[in-house]
N, C-alpha and C. Protein backbone atom coordinates (compact mmCIF):
# COMPACT_ATOMS: atom_id res chain seq x y z
N MET A 1 -125.16 -13.89 -1.28
CA MET A 1 -125.18 -13.82 -2.72
C MET A 1 -124.96 -15.20 -3.31
N ASN A 2 -125.12 -15.25 -4.60
CA ASN A 2 -124.98 -16.53 -5.29
C ASN A 2 -123.54 -17.02 -5.25
N GLN A 3 -123.36 -18.25 -4.83
CA GLN A 3 -122.04 -18.89 -4.85
C GLN A 3 -122.10 -20.00 -5.87
N ASN A 4 -121.40 -19.83 -6.98
CA ASN A 4 -121.35 -20.90 -7.96
C ASN A 4 -119.89 -21.19 -8.27
N SER A 5 -119.63 -22.07 -9.20
CA SER A 5 -118.26 -22.49 -9.48
C SER A 5 -117.38 -21.33 -9.93
N SER A 6 -118.00 -20.26 -10.42
CA SER A 6 -117.24 -19.12 -10.91
C SER A 6 -117.03 -18.05 -9.84
N GLY A 7 -117.69 -18.18 -8.70
CA GLY A 7 -117.55 -17.20 -7.64
C GLY A 7 -118.81 -16.37 -7.49
N PRO A 8 -118.82 -15.44 -6.54
CA PRO A 8 -120.00 -14.62 -6.28
C PRO A 8 -120.24 -13.59 -7.37
N LEU A 9 -121.48 -13.25 -7.61
CA LEU A 9 -121.85 -12.24 -8.59
C LEU A 9 -121.75 -10.86 -7.96
N LYS A 10 -121.40 -9.87 -8.77
CA LYS A 10 -121.42 -8.48 -8.32
C LYS A 10 -121.69 -7.58 -9.51
N ASP A 11 -122.14 -6.36 -9.26
CA ASP A 11 -122.43 -5.41 -10.33
C ASP A 11 -121.21 -5.24 -11.23
N GLY A 12 -121.47 -5.23 -12.54
CA GLY A 12 -120.41 -5.00 -13.51
C GLY A 12 -119.74 -6.26 -14.03
N ASP A 13 -120.02 -7.42 -13.44
CA ASP A 13 -119.45 -8.68 -13.93
C ASP A 13 -120.04 -9.05 -15.27
N LEU A 14 -119.23 -9.66 -16.12
CA LEU A 14 -119.74 -10.26 -17.34
C LEU A 14 -120.27 -11.63 -16.95
N CYS A 15 -121.44 -11.99 -17.47
CA CYS A 15 -122.02 -13.28 -17.11
C CYS A 15 -122.65 -13.94 -18.31
N LYS A 16 -122.85 -15.24 -18.18
CA LYS A 16 -123.53 -16.04 -19.20
C LYS A 16 -124.65 -16.79 -18.51
N VAL A 17 -125.84 -16.77 -19.11
CA VAL A 17 -126.99 -17.47 -18.54
C VAL A 17 -126.91 -18.93 -18.95
N THR A 18 -126.94 -19.83 -17.96
CA THR A 18 -126.77 -21.25 -18.22
C THR A 18 -128.05 -22.05 -18.08
N ALA A 19 -129.13 -21.43 -17.62
CA ALA A 19 -130.41 -22.13 -17.45
C ALA A 19 -131.56 -21.13 -17.52
N GLY A 20 -132.75 -21.65 -17.68
CA GLY A 20 -133.93 -20.80 -17.67
C GLY A 20 -134.30 -20.27 -19.05
N THR A 21 -135.22 -19.32 -19.06
CA THR A 21 -135.76 -18.75 -20.28
C THR A 21 -134.69 -18.10 -21.16
N HIS A 22 -133.71 -17.47 -20.56
CA HIS A 22 -132.71 -16.71 -21.30
C HIS A 22 -131.41 -17.48 -21.52
N LYS A 23 -131.46 -18.79 -21.41
CA LYS A 23 -130.28 -19.65 -21.56
C LYS A 23 -129.53 -19.31 -22.86
N GLY A 24 -128.20 -19.17 -22.73
CA GLY A 24 -127.36 -18.87 -23.88
C GLY A 24 -127.06 -17.40 -24.07
N LYS A 25 -127.81 -16.53 -23.41
CA LYS A 25 -127.56 -15.09 -23.52
C LYS A 25 -126.46 -14.69 -22.55
N SER A 26 -125.85 -13.55 -22.81
CA SER A 26 -124.80 -13.05 -21.92
C SER A 26 -124.86 -11.54 -21.87
N GLY A 27 -124.17 -10.98 -20.88
CA GLY A 27 -124.15 -9.54 -20.72
C GLY A 27 -123.52 -9.14 -19.40
N THR A 28 -123.81 -7.92 -18.98
CA THR A 28 -123.25 -7.35 -17.77
C THR A 28 -124.29 -7.39 -16.64
N VAL A 29 -123.86 -7.84 -15.47
CA VAL A 29 -124.75 -7.92 -14.31
C VAL A 29 -125.05 -6.52 -13.79
N GLN A 30 -126.33 -6.27 -13.53
CA GLN A 30 -126.77 -5.01 -12.92
C GLN A 30 -127.86 -5.33 -11.91
N ASP A 31 -128.10 -4.43 -11.00
CA ASP A 31 -129.26 -4.47 -10.12
C ASP A 31 -129.47 -5.81 -9.42
N LEU A 32 -128.56 -6.17 -8.53
CA LEU A 32 -128.71 -7.38 -7.72
C LEU A 32 -129.77 -7.11 -6.65
N HIS A 33 -130.66 -8.07 -6.46
CA HIS A 33 -131.73 -7.89 -5.48
C HIS A 33 -132.05 -9.23 -4.82
N LEU A 34 -132.13 -9.22 -3.50
CA LEU A 34 -132.52 -10.41 -2.76
C LEU A 34 -134.02 -10.31 -2.48
N SER A 35 -134.80 -11.23 -3.02
CA SER A 35 -136.25 -11.18 -2.88
C SER A 35 -136.70 -11.57 -1.47
N LYS A 36 -137.97 -11.37 -1.19
CA LYS A 36 -138.53 -11.73 0.12
C LYS A 36 -138.35 -13.22 0.41
N THR A 37 -138.38 -14.03 -0.63
CA THR A 37 -138.26 -15.48 -0.46
C THR A 37 -136.81 -15.94 -0.40
N GLY A 38 -135.86 -15.01 -0.52
CA GLY A 38 -134.45 -15.34 -0.39
C GLY A 38 -133.73 -15.67 -1.67
N HIS A 39 -134.37 -15.47 -2.81
CA HIS A 39 -133.73 -15.75 -4.10
C HIS A 39 -133.06 -14.49 -4.64
N LEU A 40 -131.87 -14.65 -5.20
CA LEU A 40 -131.15 -13.54 -5.80
C LEU A 40 -131.66 -13.33 -7.22
N THR A 41 -132.12 -12.11 -7.52
CA THR A 41 -132.52 -11.76 -8.88
C THR A 41 -131.58 -10.70 -9.40
N ILE A 42 -131.32 -10.75 -10.70
CA ILE A 42 -130.41 -9.78 -11.31
C ILE A 42 -131.00 -9.28 -12.61
N THR A 43 -130.54 -8.13 -13.04
CA THR A 43 -130.83 -7.61 -14.37
C THR A 43 -129.55 -7.77 -15.17
N VAL A 44 -129.68 -8.29 -16.39
CA VAL A 44 -128.54 -8.47 -17.27
C VAL A 44 -128.69 -7.50 -18.43
N LEU A 45 -127.65 -6.71 -18.70
CA LEU A 45 -127.64 -5.77 -19.81
C LEU A 45 -126.80 -6.37 -20.93
N GLN A 46 -127.45 -6.64 -22.07
CA GLN A 46 -126.74 -7.20 -23.21
C GLN A 46 -126.02 -6.08 -23.98
N GLU A 47 -125.08 -6.45 -24.84
CA GLU A 47 -124.32 -5.47 -25.62
C GLU A 47 -125.21 -4.60 -26.50
N ASN A 48 -126.33 -5.16 -26.98
CA ASN A 48 -127.23 -4.40 -27.86
C ASN A 48 -128.17 -3.47 -27.09
N GLY A 49 -128.03 -3.41 -25.76
CA GLY A 49 -128.83 -2.50 -24.94
C GLY A 49 -130.08 -3.13 -24.34
N THR A 50 -130.39 -4.35 -24.72
CA THR A 50 -131.56 -5.05 -24.18
C THR A 50 -131.27 -5.52 -22.76
N ARG A 51 -132.26 -5.32 -21.88
CA ARG A 51 -132.14 -5.78 -20.50
C ARG A 51 -133.15 -6.89 -20.26
N PHE A 52 -132.79 -7.83 -19.38
CA PHE A 52 -133.73 -8.85 -18.94
C PHE A 52 -133.39 -9.23 -17.51
N LYS A 53 -134.39 -9.73 -16.81
CA LYS A 53 -134.21 -10.16 -15.42
C LYS A 53 -134.15 -11.68 -15.39
N THR A 54 -133.33 -12.20 -14.48
CA THR A 54 -133.21 -13.64 -14.30
C THR A 54 -132.77 -13.93 -12.87
N LEU A 55 -132.83 -15.17 -12.49
CA LEU A 55 -132.37 -15.57 -11.17
C LEU A 55 -130.86 -15.72 -11.15
N GLY A 56 -130.25 -15.36 -10.05
CA GLY A 56 -128.81 -15.46 -9.91
C GLY A 56 -128.29 -16.88 -10.05
N LYS A 57 -129.10 -17.86 -9.65
CA LYS A 57 -128.67 -19.26 -9.76
C LYS A 57 -128.57 -19.73 -11.20
N ASN A 58 -129.15 -19.00 -12.14
CA ASN A 58 -129.15 -19.38 -13.55
C ASN A 58 -127.97 -18.82 -14.33
N VAL A 59 -127.08 -18.08 -13.67
CA VAL A 59 -125.97 -17.48 -14.40
C VAL A 59 -124.63 -17.88 -13.79
N GLU A 60 -123.59 -17.75 -14.59
CA GLU A 60 -122.24 -17.92 -14.07
C GLU A 60 -121.38 -16.77 -14.60
N VAL A 61 -120.39 -16.41 -13.84
CA VAL A 61 -119.51 -15.31 -14.20
C VAL A 61 -118.65 -15.76 -15.37
N ALA A 62 -118.61 -14.94 -16.41
CA ALA A 62 -117.78 -15.25 -17.58
C ALA A 62 -116.39 -14.71 -17.36
N ARG A 63 -115.41 -15.45 -17.76
CA ARG A 63 -114.01 -15.01 -17.63
C ARG A 63 -113.70 -14.01 -18.71
N LYS A 64 -112.96 -12.95 -18.35
CA LYS A 64 -112.60 -11.90 -19.30
C LYS A 64 -111.45 -12.29 -20.15
């Protein structure tokens, strides 16, 4: 799984997107998936109910 300065990602974590198309958005981590090429992809559920997919390397765990 993704190892970043905030620690490994897991379902239910609050996260903030720090890079990529969705930079600046935040939400709850859902649906972790390791692709065929070895990249971690996740679905992020925002408070307003909107979901988006992003790479695990583009997010960091937000402190509660």
